[in-house]
């Protein structure tokens, strides 16, 4: 699973122009903007899940139905993921978006597939 995560991060780093860890560390100085950016990411991931479910496809991640992901929760998840990879060379150039998504899938795995 960890190898897949690292592969996804490196592939997405080369094909997706998101925010690098280095940029994220600088962006943290503007707390309000950062929180809204993270909330936008979380909402986008949630909308993707809704679209997948509407097509009777397994969602990307499966949080409890009563869980409301807040900006603060998303930032804590991202910070944990960054800490987990901070010993890897060049980690500061990796993108934060797939890191957050991988943390969501780790914390809220989908245990059963939706049948089509």
PDB file of N, CA and C in Angstrom:
ATOM      1  N   UNK A   1       0.825  -1.197   0.000  1.00  0.00           N
ATOM      2  CA  UNK A   1       0.000   0.000   0.000  1.00  0.00           C
ATOM      3  C   UNK A   1       0.871   1.263   0.000  1.00  0.00           C
ATOM      4  N   UNK A   2       1.950   1.243   0.816  1.00  0.00           N
ATOM      5  CA  UNK A   2       2.824   2.415   0.853  1.00  0.00           C
ATOM      6  C   UNK A   2       3.513   2.643  -0.479  1.00  0.00           C
ATOM      7  N   UNK A   3       3.900   1.544  -1.151  1.00  0.00           N
ATOM      8  CA  UNK A   3       4.543   1.687  -2.455  1.00  0.00           C
ATOM      9  C   UNK A   3       3.583   2.308  -3.461  1.00  0.00           C
ATOM     10  N   UNK A   4       2.331   1.896  -3.409  1.00  0.00           N
ATOM     11  CA  UNK A   4       1.320   2.463  -4.298  1.00  0.00           C
ATOM     12  C   UNK A   4       1.140   3.949  -4.009  1.00  0.00           C
ATOM     13  N   UNK A   5       1.079   4.318  -2.735  1.00  0.00           N
ATOM     14  CA  UNK A   5       0.935   5.717  -2.345  1.00  0.00           C
ATOM     15  C   UNK A   5       2.076   6.557  -2.898  1.00  0.00           C
ATOM     16  N   UNK A   6       3.308   6.078  -2.726  1.00  0.00           N
ATOM     17  CA  UNK A   6       4.467   6.831  -3.194  1.00  0.00           C
ATOM     18  C   UNK A   6       4.454   6.931  -4.720  1.00  0.00           C
ATOM     19  N   UNK A   7       4.096   5.849  -5.398  1.00  0.00           N
ATOM     20  CA  UNK A   7       4.001   5.873  -6.846  1.00  0.00           C
ATOM     21  C   UNK A   7       2.969   6.897  -7.308  1.00  0.00           C
ATOM     22  N   UNK A   8       1.813   6.923  -6.664  1.00  0.00           N
ATOM     23  CA  UNK A   8       0.765   7.881  -7.027  1.00  0.00           C
ATOM     24  C   UNK A   8       1.258   9.307  -6.838  1.00  0.00           C
ATOM     25  N   UNK A   9       1.951   9.553  -5.750  1.00  0.00           N
ATOM     26  CA  UNK A   9       2.447  10.906  -5.489  1.00  0.00           C
ATOM     27  C   UNK A   9       3.448  11.328  -6.559  1.00  0.00           C
ATOM     28  N   UNK A  10       4.392  10.440  -6.902  1.00  0.00           N
ATOM     29  CA  UNK A  10       5.393  10.805  -7.890  1.00  0.00           C
ATOM     30  C   UNK A  10       4.788  10.975  -9.275  1.00  0.00           C
ATOM     31  N   UNK A  11       3.849  10.123  -9.645  1.00  0.00           N
ATOM     32  CA  UNK A  11       3.198  10.256 -10.949  1.00  0.00           C
ATOM     33  C   UNK A  11       2.383  11.537 -10.993  1.00  0.00           C
ATOM     34  N   UNK A  12       1.609  11.780  -9.955  1.00  0.00           N
ATOM     35  CA  UNK A  12       0.764  12.973  -9.960  1.00  0.00           C
ATOM     36  C   UNK A  12       1.599  14.239  -9.909  1.00  0.00           C
ATOM     37  N   UNK A  13       2.782  14.162  -9.316  1.00  0.00           N
ATOM     38  CA  UNK A  13       3.663  15.320  -9.258  1.00  0.00           C
ATOM     39  C   UNK A  13       4.074  15.763 -10.655  1.00  0.00           C
ATOM     40  N   UNK A  14       4.242  14.822 -11.564  1.00  0.00           N
ATOM     41  CA  UNK A  14       4.706  15.177 -12.894  1.00  0.00           C
ATOM     42  C   UNK A  14       3.570  15.543 -13.844  1.00  0.00           C
ATOM     43  N   UNK A  15       2.343  15.163 -13.538  1.00  0.00           N
ATOM     44  CA  UNK A  15       1.258  15.437 -14.483  1.00  0.00           C
ATOM     45  C   UNK A  15       0.215  16.423 -13.951  1.00  0.00           C
ATOM     46  N   UNK A  16       0.363  16.859 -12.735  1.00  0.00           N
ATOM     47  CA  UNK A  16      -0.655  17.698 -12.129  1.00  0.00           C
ATOM     48  C   UNK A  16       0.002  18.908 -11.494  1.00  0.00           C
ATOM     49  N   UNK A  17      -0.459  20.073 -11.829  1.00  0.00           N
ATOM     50  CA  UNK A  17       0.132  21.292 -11.287  1.00  0.00           C
ATOM     51  C   UNK A  17      -0.654  21.745 -10.064  1.00  0.00           C
ATOM     52  N   UNK A  18      -0.434  21.097  -8.960  1.00  0.00           N
ATOM     53  CA  UNK A  18      -1.088  21.458  -7.713  1.00  0.00           C
ATOM     54  C   UNK A  18      -0.132  22.244  -6.831  1.00  0.00           C
ATOM     55  N   UNK A  19      -0.354  22.170  -5.545  1.00  0.00           N
ATOM     56  CA  UNK A  19       0.465  22.887  -4.581  1.00  0.00           C
ATOM     57  C   UNK A  19       1.506  21.936  -3.991  1.00  0.00           C
ATOM     58  N   UNK A  20       2.770  22.329  -4.063  1.00  0.00           N
ATOM     59  CA  UNK A  20       3.833  21.509  -3.492  1.00  0.00           C
ATOM     60  C   UNK A  20       3.860  21.671  -1.976  1.00  0.00           C
ATOM     61  N   UNK A  21       4.528  20.741  -1.316  1.00  0.00           N
ATOM     62  CA  UNK A  21       4.694  20.841   0.135  1.00  0.00           C
ATOM     63  C   UNK A  21       5.409  22.144   0.476  1.00  0.00           C
ATOM     64  N   UNK A  22       6.413  22.488  -0.305  1.00  0.00           N
ATOM     65  CA  UNK A  22       7.152  23.736  -0.080  1.00  0.00           C
ATOM     66  C   UNK A  22       6.213  24.945  -0.155  1.00  0.00           C
ATOM     67  N   UNK A  23       5.373  24.985  -1.197  1.00  0.00           N
ATOM     68  CA  UNK A  23       4.410  26.087  -1.332  1.00  0.00           C
ATOM     69  C   UNK A  23       3.394  26.070  -0.191  1.00  0.00           C
ATOM     70  N   UNK A  24       2.973  24.869   0.191  1.00  0.00           N
ATOM     71  CA  UNK A  24       2.026  24.725   1.301  1.00  0.00           C
ATOM     72  C   UNK A  24       2.608  25.315   2.588  1.00  0.00           C
ATOM     73  N   UNK A  25       3.882  25.018   2.861  1.00  0.00           N
ATOM     74  CA  UNK A  25       4.517  25.538   4.081  1.00  0.00           C
ATOM     75  C   UNK A  25       4.516  27.065   4.061  1.00  0.00           C
ATOM     76  N   UNK A  26       4.740  27.658   2.901  1.00  0.00           N
ATOM     77  CA  UNK A  26       4.715  29.117   2.773  1.00  0.00           C
ATOM     78  C   UNK A  26       3.276  29.645   2.884  1.00  0.00           C
ATOM     79  N   UNK A  27       2.343  28.933   2.274  1.00  0.00           N
ATOM     80  CA  UNK A  27       0.934  29.332   2.249  1.00  0.00           C
ATOM     81  C   UNK A  27       0.308  29.286   3.642  1.00  0.00           C
ATOM     82  N   UNK A  28       0.887  28.483   4.537  1.00  0.00           N
ATOM     83  CA  UNK A  28       0.340  28.360   5.897  1.00  0.00           C
ATOM     84  C   UNK A  28       0.362  29.694   6.641  1.00  0.00           C
ATOM     85  N   UNK A  29       1.179  30.628   6.188  1.00  0.00           N
ATOM     86  CA  UNK A  29       1.232  31.946   6.824  1.00  0.00           C
ATOM     87  C   UNK A  29      -0.097  32.692   6.661  1.00  0.00           C
ATOM     88  N   UNK A  30      -0.818  32.379   5.593  1.00  0.00           N
ATOM     89  CA  UNK A  30      -2.131  32.976   5.349  1.00  0.00           C
ATOM     90  C   UNK A  30      -3.181  31.931   5.728  1.00  0.00           C
ATOM     91  N   UNK A  31      -3.412  31.800   7.026  1.00  0.00           N
ATOM     92  CA  UNK A  31      -4.248  30.722   7.557  1.00  0.00           C
ATOM     93  C   UNK A  31      -5.640  30.678   6.927  1.00  0.00           C
ATOM     94  N   UNK A  32      -6.269  31.817   6.760  1.00  0.00           N
ATOM     95  CA  UNK A  32      -7.625  31.850   6.231  1.00  0.00           C
ATOM     96  C   UNK A  32      -7.673  31.290   4.801  1.00  0.00           C
ATOM     97  N   UNK A  33      -6.760  31.743   3.954  1.00  0.00           N
ATOM     98  CA  UNK A  33      -6.741  31.249   2.571  1.00  0.00           C
ATOM     99  C   UNK A  33      -6.436  29.765   2.525  1.00  0.00           C
ATOM    100  N   UNK A  34      -5.494  29.326   3.351  1.00  0.00           N
ATOM    101  CA  UNK A  34      -5.135  27.911   3.377  1.00  0.00           C
ATOM    102  C   UNK A  34      -6.325  27.057   3.789  1.00  0.00           C
ATOM    103  N   UNK A  35      -7.026  27.472   4.827  1.00  0.00           N
ATOM    104  CA  UNK A  35      -8.181  26.692   5.283  1.00  0.00           C
ATOM    105  C   UNK A  35      -9.236  26.586   4.195  1.00  0.00           C
ATOM    106  N   UNK A  36      -9.478  27.658   3.457  1.00  0.00           N
ATOM    107  CA  UNK A  36     -10.470  27.616   2.387  1.00  0.00           C
ATOM    108  C   UNK A  36      -9.997  26.756   1.227  1.00  0.00           C
ATOM    109  N   UNK A  37      -8.685  26.781   0.947  1.00  0.00           N
ATOM    110  CA  UNK A  37      -8.147  25.923  -0.099  1.00  0.00           C
ATOM    111  C   UNK A  37      -8.362  24.455   0.271  1.00  0.00           C
ATOM    112  N   UNK A  38      -8.038  24.101   1.517  1.00  0.00           N
ATOM    113  CA  UNK A  38      -8.210  22.725   1.970  1.00  0.00           C
ATOM    114  C   UNK A  38      -9.680  22.322   1.978  1.00  0.00           C
ATOM    115  N   UNK A  39     -10.543  23.222   2.373  1.00  0.00           N
ATOM    116  CA  UNK A  39     -11.975  22.925   2.345  1.00  0.00           C
ATOM    117  C   UNK A  39     -12.442  22.698   0.909  1.00  0.00           C
ATOM    118  N   UNK A  40     -11.921  23.488  -0.020  1.00  0.00           N
ATOM    119  CA  UNK A  40     -12.250  23.283  -1.438  1.00  0.00           C
ATOM    120  C   UNK A  40     -11.800  21.913  -1.928  1.00  0.00           C
ATOM    121  N   UNK A  41     -10.593  21.503  -1.516  1.00  0.00           N
ATOM    122  CA  UNK A  41     -10.125  20.164  -1.875  1.00  0.00           C
ATOM    123  C   UNK A  41     -11.048  19.101  -1.299  1.00  0.00           C
ATOM    124  N   UNK A  42     -11.353  19.244  -0.012  1.00  0.00           N
ATOM    125  CA  UNK A  42     -12.234  18.274   0.637  1.00  0.00           C
ATOM    126  C   UNK A  42     -13.591  18.195  -0.035  1.00  0.00           C
ATOM    127  N   UNK A  43     -14.142  19.347  -0.377  1.00  0.00           N
ATOM    128  CA  UNK A  43     -15.438  19.369  -1.065  1.00  0.00           C
ATOM    129  C   UNK A  43     -15.334  18.722  -2.443  1.00  0.00           C
ATOM    130  N   UNK A  44     -14.245  18.995  -3.146  1.00  0.00           N
ATOM    131  CA  UNK A  44     -14.052  18.385  -4.461  1.00  0.00           C
ATOM    132  C   UNK A  44     -13.964  16.871  -4.370  1.00  0.00           C
ATOM    133  N   UNK A  45     -13.231  16.372  -3.371  1.00  0.00           N
ATOM    134  CA  UNK A  45     -13.157  14.925  -3.170  1.00  0.00           C
ATOM    135  C   UNK A  45     -14.536  14.366  -2.831  1.00  0.00           C
ATOM    136  N   UNK A  46     -15.282  15.095  -2.005  1.00  0.00           N
ATOM    137  CA  UNK A  46     -16.631  14.658  -1.638  1.00  0.00           C
ATOM    138  C   UNK A  46     -17.568  14.626  -2.832  1.00  0.00           C
ATOM    139  N   UNK A  47     -17.482  15.648  -3.696  1.00  0.00           N
ATOM    140  CA  UNK A  47     -18.314  15.677  -4.899  1.00  0.00           C
ATOM    141  C   UNK A  47     -17.952  14.528  -5.835  1.00  0.00           C
ATOM    142  N   UNK A  48     -16.656  14.216  -5.898  1.00  0.00           N
ATOM    143  CA  UNK A  48     -16.225  13.072  -6.718  1.00  0.00           C
ATOM    144  C   UNK A  48     -16.841  11.782  -6.189  1.00  0.00           C
ATOM    145  N   UNK A  49     -16.844  11.631  -4.864  1.00  0.00           N
ATOM    146  CA  UNK A  49     -17.467  10.456  -4.256  1.00  0.00           C
ATOM    147  C   UNK A  49     -18.941  10.369  -4.608  1.00  0.00           C
ATOM    148  N   UNK A  50     -19.635  11.488  -4.526  1.00  0.00           N
ATOM    149  CA  UNK A  50     -21.063  11.520  -4.843  1.00  0.00           C
ATOM    150  C   UNK A  50     -21.300  11.104  -6.292  1.00  0.00           C
ATOM    151  N   UNK A  51     -20.471  11.601  -7.193  1.00  0.00           N
ATOM    152  CA  UNK A  51     -20.602  11.249  -8.608  1.00  0.00           C
ATOM    153  C   UNK A  51     -20.362   9.754  -8.806  1.00  0.00           C
ATOM    154  N   UNK A  52     -19.338   9.215  -8.161  1.00  0.00           N
ATOM    155  CA  UNK A  52     -19.069   7.779  -8.282  1.00  0.00           C
ATOM    156  C   UNK A  52     -20.240   6.954  -7.748  1.00  0.00           C
ATOM    157  N   UNK A  53     -20.790   7.366  -6.614  1.00  0.00           N
ATOM    158  CA  UNK A  53     -21.924   6.644  -6.035  1.00  0.00           C
ATOM    159  C   UNK A  53     -23.134   6.717  -6.952  1.00  0.00           C
ATOM    160  N   UNK A  54     -23.336   7.855  -7.618  1.00  0.00           N
ATOM    161  CA  UNK A  54     -24.486   7.984  -8.525  1.00  0.00           C
ATOM    162  C   UNK A  54     -24.346   7.061  -9.729  1.00  0.00           C
ATOM    163  N   UNK A  55     -23.134   6.628 -10.005  1.00  0.00           N
ATOM    164  CA  UNK A  55     -22.879   5.689 -11.106  1.00  0.00           C
ATOM    165  C   UNK A  55     -22.745   4.255 -10.604  1.00  0.00           C
ATOM    166  N   UNK A  56     -23.150   4.035  -9.353  1.00  0.00           N
ATOM    167  CA  UNK A  56     -23.050   2.714  -8.720  1.00  0.00           C
ATOM    168  C   UNK A  56     -21.620   2.181  -8.739  1.00  0.00           C
ATOM    169  N   UNK A  57     -20.680   3.074  -8.507  1.00  0.00           N
ATOM    170  CA  UNK A  57     -19.263   2.734  -8.453  1.00  0.00           C
ATOM    171  C   UNK A  57     -18.758   2.984  -7.036  1.00  0.00           C
ATOM    172  N   UNK A  58     -17.783   2.203  -6.605  1.00  0.00           N
ATOM    173  CA  UNK A  58     -17.229   2.366  -5.268  1.00  0.00           C
ATOM    174  C   UNK A  58     -16.596   3.745  -5.121  1.00  0.00           C
ATOM    175  N   UNK A  59     -16.928   4.465  -4.067  1.00  0.00           N
ATOM    176  CA  UNK A  59     -16.328   5.779  -3.835  1.00  0.00           C
ATOM    177  C   UNK A  59     -14.829   5.673  -3.555  1.00  0.00           C
ATOM    178  N   UNK A  60     -14.167   6.796  -3.590  1.00  0.00           N
ATOM    179  CA  UNK A  60     -12.732   6.854  -3.337  1.00  0.00           C
ATOM    180  C   UNK A  60     -12.446   6.562  -1.862  1.00  0.00           C
ATOM    181  N   UNK A  61     -13.231   7.138  -0.984  1.00  0.00           N
ATOM    182  CA  UNK A  61     -13.107   6.900   0.450  1.00  0.00           C
ATOM    183  C   UNK A  61     -14.513   6.905   1.034  1.00  0.00           C
ATOM    184  N   UNK A  62     -14.663   6.301   2.224  1.00  0.00           N
ATOM    185  CA  UNK A  62     -16.000   6.117   2.797  1.00  0.00           C
ATOM    186  C   UNK A  62     -16.052   6.559   4.259  1.00  0.00           C
ATOM    187  N   UNK A  63     -16.223   7.852   4.495  1.00  0.00           N
ATOM    188  CA  UNK A  63     -16.330   8.308   5.880  1.00  0.00           C
ATOM    189  C   UNK A  63     -17.677   7.913   6.471  1.00  0.00           C
ATOM    190  N   UNK A  64     -17.770   7.913   7.791  1.00  0.00           N
ATOM    191  CA  UNK A  64     -19.078   7.657   8.407  1.00  0.00           C
ATOM    192  C   UNK A  64     -20.089   8.701   7.921  1.00  0.00           C
ATOM    193  N   UNK A  65     -21.346   8.301   7.759  1.00  0.00           N
ATOM    194  CA  UNK A  65     -22.347   9.227   7.208  1.00  0.00           C
ATOM    195  C   UNK A  65     -22.540  10.494   8.036  1.00  0.00           C
ATOM    196  N   UNK A  66     -22.299  10.421   9.323  1.00  0.00           N
ATOM    197  CA  UNK A  66     -22.518  11.589  10.180  1.00  0.00           C
ATOM    198  C   UNK A  66     -21.273  12.457  10.348  1.00  0.00           C
ATOM    199  N   UNK A  67     -20.169  12.114   9.681  1.00  0.00           N
ATOM    200  CA  UNK A  67     -18.925  12.870   9.806  1.00  0.00           C
ATOM    201  C   UNK A  67     -18.941  14.072   8.878  1.00  0.00           C
ATOM    202  N   UNK A  68     -18.669  15.231   9.433  1.00  0.00           N
ATOM    203  CA  UNK A  68     -18.516  16.442   8.630  1.00  0.00           C
ATOM    204  C   UNK A  68     -17.043  16.825   8.685  1.00  0.00           C
ATOM    205  N   UNK A  69     -16.364  16.695   7.554  1.00  0.00           N
ATOM    206  CA  UNK A  69     -14.950  17.038   7.505  1.00  0.00           C
ATOM    207  C   UNK A  69     -14.788  18.552   7.538  1.00  0.00           C
ATOM    208  N   UNK A  70     -14.064  19.034   8.520  1.00  0.00           N
ATOM    209  CA  UNK A  70     -13.831  20.469   8.658  1.00  0.00           C
ATOM    210  C   UNK A  70     -12.471  20.844   8.072  1.00  0.00           C
ATOM    211  N   UNK A  71     -12.262  22.145   7.908  1.00  0.00           N
ATOM    212  CA  UNK A  71     -10.977  22.643   7.411  1.00  0.00           C
ATOM    213  C   UNK A  71      -9.859  22.201   8.342  1.00  0.00           C
ATOM    214  N   UNK A  72     -10.122  22.277   9.626  1.00  0.00           N
ATOM    215  CA  UNK A  72      -9.110  21.906  10.618  1.00  0.00           C
ATOM    216  C   UNK A  72      -8.765  20.420  10.551  1.00  0.00           C
ATOM    217  N   UNK A  73      -9.779  19.584  10.380  1.00  0.00           N
ATOM    218  CA  UNK A  73      -9.544  18.138  10.260  1.00  0.00           C
ATOM    219  C   UNK A  73      -8.700  17.827   9.030  1.00  0.00           C
ATOM    220  N   UNK A  74      -9.039  18.462   7.919  1.00  0.00           N
ATOM    221  CA  UNK A  74      -8.299  18.234   6.682  1.00  0.00           C
ATOM    222  C   UNK A  74      -6.848  18.671   6.826  1.00  0.00           C
ATOM    223  N   UNK A  75      -6.623  19.792   7.497  1.00  0.00           N
ATOM    224  CA  UNK A  75      -5.257  20.259   7.683  1.00  0.00           C
ATOM    225  C   UNK A  75      -4.468  19.306   8.588  1.00  0.00           C
ATOM    226  N   UNK A  76      -5.093  18.798   9.640  1.00  0.00           N
ATOM    227  CA  UNK A  76      -4.406  17.833  10.513  1.00  0.00           C
ATOM    228  C   UNK A  76      -4.044  16.565   9.738  1.00  0.00           C
ATOM    229  N   UNK A  77      -4.958  16.099   8.885  1.00  0.00           N
ATOM    230  CA  UNK A  77      -4.678  14.916   8.067  1.00  0.00           C
ATOM    231  C   UNK A  77      -3.484  15.167   7.151  1.00  0.00           C
ATOM    232  N   UNK A  78      -3.489  16.313   6.509  1.00  0.00           N
ATOM    233  CA  UNK A  78      -2.400  16.644   5.596  1.00  0.00           C
ATOM    234  C   UNK A  78      -1.077  16.763   6.343  1.00  0.00           C
ATOM    235  N   UNK A  79      -1.102  17.419   7.481  1.00  0.00           N
ATOM    236  CA  UNK A  79       0.117  17.569   8.280  1.00  0.00           C
ATOM    237  C   UNK A  79       0.671  16.203   8.688  1.00  0.00           C
ATOM    238  N   UNK A  80      -0.206  15.276   9.050  1.00  0.00           N
ATOM    239  CA  UNK A  80       0.247  13.925   9.406  1.00  0.00           C
ATOM    240  C   UNK A  80       0.895  13.237   8.209  1.00  0.00           C
ATOM    241  N   UNK A  81       0.275  13.363   7.031  1.00  0.00           N
ATOM    242  CA  UNK A  81       0.831  12.725   5.833  1.00  0.00           C
ATOM    243  C   UNK A  81       2.203  13.331   5.504  1.00  0.00           C
ATOM    244  N   UNK A  82       2.309  14.653   5.587  1.00  0.00           N
ATOM    245  CA  UNK A  82       3.595  15.299   5.294  1.00  0.00           C
ATOM    246  C   UNK A  82       4.663  14.809   6.270  1.00  0.00           C
ATOM    247  N   UNK A  83       4.304  14.701   7.532  1.00  0.00           N
ATOM    248  CA  UNK A  83       5.262  14.220   8.532  1.00  0.00           C
ATOM    249  C   UNK A  83       5.705  12.796   8.213  1.00  0.00           C
ATOM    250  N   UNK A  84       4.775  11.969   7.733  1.00  0.00           N
ATOM    251  CA  UNK A  84       5.083  10.579   7.406  1.00  0.00           C
ATOM    252  C   UNK A  84       6.107  10.452   6.273  1.00  0.00           C
ATOM    253  N   UNK A  85       6.137  11.409   5.365  1.00  0.00           N
ATOM    254  CA  UNK A  85       7.042  11.315   4.221  1.00  0.00           C
ATOM    255  C   UNK A  85       8.215  12.280   4.305  1.00  0.00           C
ATOM    256  N   UNK A  86       8.313  13.027   5.394  1.00  0.00           N
ATOM    257  CA  UNK A  86       9.320  14.085   5.483  1.00  0.00           C
ATOM    258  C   UNK A  86      10.761  13.572   5.472  1.00  0.00           C
ATOM    259  N   UNK A  87      10.960  12.286   5.624  1.00  0.00           N
ATOM    260  CA  UNK A  87      12.315  11.740   5.565  1.00  0.00           C
ATOM    261  C   UNK A  87      12.712  11.330   4.142  1.00  0.00           C
ATOM    262  N   UNK A  88      11.818  11.455   3.198  1.00  0.00           N
ATOM    263  CA  UNK A  88      12.096  11.094   1.803  1.00  0.00           C
ATOM    264  C   UNK A  88      12.769  12.271   1.092  1.00  0.00           C
ATOM    265  N   UNK A  89      13.815  12.008   0.324  1.00  0.00           N
ATOM    266  CA  UNK A  89      14.466  13.103  -0.409  1.00  0.00           C
ATOM    267  C   UNK A  89      13.498  13.738  -1.408  1.00  0.00           C
ATOM    268  N   UNK A  90      13.496  15.055  -1.453  1.00  0.00           N
ATOM    269  CA  UNK A  90      12.661  15.777  -2.407  1.00  0.00           C
ATOM    270  C   UNK A  90      11.194  15.865  -2.042  1.00  0.00           C
ATOM    271  N   UNK A  91      10.836  15.461  -0.826  1.00  0.00           N
ATOM    272  CA  UNK A  91       9.408  15.459  -0.450  1.00  0.00           C
ATOM    273  C   UNK A  91       8.789  16.844  -0.556  1.00  0.00           C
ATOM    274  N   UNK A  92       9.585  17.891  -0.369  1.00  0.00           N
ATOM    275  CA  UNK A  92       9.035  19.251  -0.387  1.00  0.00           C
ATOM    276  C   UNK A  92       8.544  19.662  -1.774  1.00  0.00           C
ATOM    277  N   UNK A  93       8.917  18.895  -2.798  1.00  0.00           N
ATOM    278  CA  UNK A  93       8.453  19.186  -4.154  1.00  0.00           C
ATOM    279  C   UNK A  93       7.218  18.384  -4.546  1.00  0.00           C
ATOM    280  N   UNK A  94       6.775  17.489  -3.687  1.00  0.00           N
ATOM    281  CA  UNK A  94       5.590  16.680  -3.974  1.00  0.00           C
ATOM    282  C   UNK A  94       4.327  17.500  -3.770  1.00  0.00           C
ATOM    283  N   UNK A  95       3.250  17.076  -4.422  1.00  0.00           N
ATOM    284  CA  UNK A  95       1.978  17.785  -4.370  1.00  0.00           C
ATOM    285  C   UNK A  95       1.163  17.362  -3.147  1.00  0.00           C
ATOM    286  N   UNK A  96       0.482  18.330  -2.546  1.00  0.00           N
ATOM    287  CA  UNK A  96      -0.295  18.039  -1.337  1.00  0.00           C
ATOM    288  C   UNK A  96      -1.649  17.406  -1.633  1.00  0.00           C
ATOM    289  N   UNK A  97      -2.198  17.638  -2.817  1.00  0.00           N
ATOM    290  CA  UNK A  97      -3.545  17.148  -3.108  1.00  0.00           C
ATOM    291  C   UNK A  97      -3.636  15.629  -3.046  1.00  0.00           C
ATOM    292  N   UNK A  98      -2.746  14.892  -3.734  1.00  0.00           N
ATOM    293  CA  UNK A  98      -2.827  13.432  -3.607  1.00  0.00           C
ATOM    294  C   UNK A  98      -2.464  12.944  -2.208  1.00  0.00           C
ATOM    295  N   UNK A  99      -1.661  13.717  -1.486  1.00  0.00           N
ATOM    296  CA  UNK A  99      -1.339  13.338  -0.103  1.00  0.00           C
ATOM    297  C   UNK A  99      -2.584  13.361   0.766  1.00  0.00           C
ATOM    298  N   UNK A 100      -3.362  14.422   0.626  1.00  0.00           N
ATOM    299  CA  UNK A 100      -4.590  14.524   1.412  1.00  0.00           C
ATOM    300  C   UNK A 100      -5.565  13.425   1.012  1.00  0.00           C
ATOM    301  N   UNK A 101      -5.704  13.192  -0.265  1.00  0.00           N
ATOM    302  CA  UNK A 101      -6.618  12.150  -0.729  1.00  0.00           C
ATOM    303  C   UNK A 101      -6.175  10.775  -0.220  1.00  0.00           C
ATOM    304  N   UNK A 102      -4.889  10.506  -0.247  1.00  0.00           N
ATOM    305  CA  UNK A 102      -4.422   9.199   0.233  1.00  0.00           C
ATOM    306  C   UNK A 102      -4.652   9.050   1.730  1.00  0.00           C
ATOM    307  N   UNK A 103      -4.571  10.156   2.473  1.00  0.00           N
ATOM    308  CA  UNK A 103      -4.841  10.084   3.908  1.00  0.00           C
ATOM    309  C   UNK A 103      -6.323   9.801   4.144  1.00  0.00           C
ATOM    310  N   UNK A 104      -7.183  10.416   3.350  1.00  0.00           N
ATOM    311  CA  UNK A 104      -8.618  10.150   3.464  1.00  0.00           C
ATOM    312  C   UNK A 104      -8.934   8.681   3.166  1.00  0.00           C
ATOM    313  N   UNK A 105      -8.295   8.125   2.119  1.00  0.00           N
ATOM    314  CA  UNK A 105      -8.562   6.724   1.789  1.00  0.00           C
ATOM    315  C   UNK A 105      -7.998   5.784   2.842  1.00  0.00           C
ATOM    316  N   UNK A 106      -6.921   6.196   3.492  1.00  0.00           N
ATOM    317  CA  UNK A 106      -6.348   5.386   4.568  1.00  0.00           C
ATOM    318  C   UNK A 106      -7.246   5.401   5.808  1.00  0.00           C
ATOM    319  N   UNK A 107      -7.745   6.582   6.151  1.00  0.00           N
ATOM    320  CA  UNK A 107      -8.574   6.721   7.355  1.00  0.00           C
ATOM    321  C   UNK A 107      -9.986   6.184   7.162  1.00  0.00           C
ATOM    322  N   UNK A 108     -10.512   6.303   5.950  1.00  0.00           N
ATOM    323  CA  UNK A 108     -11.900   5.928   5.680  1.00  0.00           C
ATOM    324  C   UNK A 108     -11.980   4.989   4.473  1.00  0.00           C
ATOM    325  N   UNK A 109     -11.427   3.791   4.600  1.00  0.00           N
ATOM    326  CA  UNK A 109     -11.472   2.861   3.461  1.00  0.00           C
ATOM    327  C   UNK A 109     -12.896   2.386   3.190  1.00  0.00           C
ATOM    328  N   UNK A 110     -13.140   2.050   1.972  1.00  0.00           N
ATOM    329  CA  UNK A 110     -14.436   1.482   1.587  1.00  0.00           C
ATOM    330  C   UNK A 110     -14.313  -0.032   1.702  1.00  0.00           C
ATOM    331  N   UNK A 111     -15.076  -0.616   2.615  1.00  0.00           N
ATOM    332  CA  UNK A 111     -14.933  -2.030   2.888  1.00  0.00           C
ATOM    333  C   UNK A 111     -15.753  -2.902   1.969  1.00  0.00           C
ATOM    334  N   UNK A 112     -16.826  -2.365   1.417  1.00  0.00           N
ATOM    335  CA  UNK A 112     -17.632  -3.184   0.503  1.00  0.00           C
ATOM    336  C   UNK A 112     -17.838  -2.421  -0.785  1.00  0.00           C
ATOM    337  N   UNK A 113     -17.797  -3.129  -1.870  1.00  0.00           N
ATOM    338  CA  UNK A 113     -17.986  -2.513  -3.177  1.00  0.00           C
ATOM    339  C   UNK A 113     -19.468  -2.390  -3.489  1.00  0.00           C
ATOM    340  N   UNK A 114     -19.809  -1.343  -4.182  1.00  0.00           N
ATOM    341  CA  UNK A 114     -21.186  -1.147  -4.627  1.00  0.00           C
ATOM    342  C   UNK A 114     -21.397  -2.035  -5.845  1.00  0.00           C
ATOM    343  N   UNK A 115     -22.466  -2.768  -5.855  1.00  0.00           N
ATOM    344  CA  UNK A 115     -22.761  -3.642  -6.985  1.00  0.00           C
ATOM    345  C   UNK A 115     -23.508  -2.872  -8.055  1.00  0.00           C
ATOM    346  N   UNK A 116     -23.095  -3.097  -9.280  1.00  0.00           N
ATOM    347  CA  UNK A 116     -23.768  -2.404 -10.378  1.00  0.00           C
ATOM    348  C   UNK A 116     -24.763  -3.292 -11.066  1.00  0.00           C
TER     349      UNK A 116
END
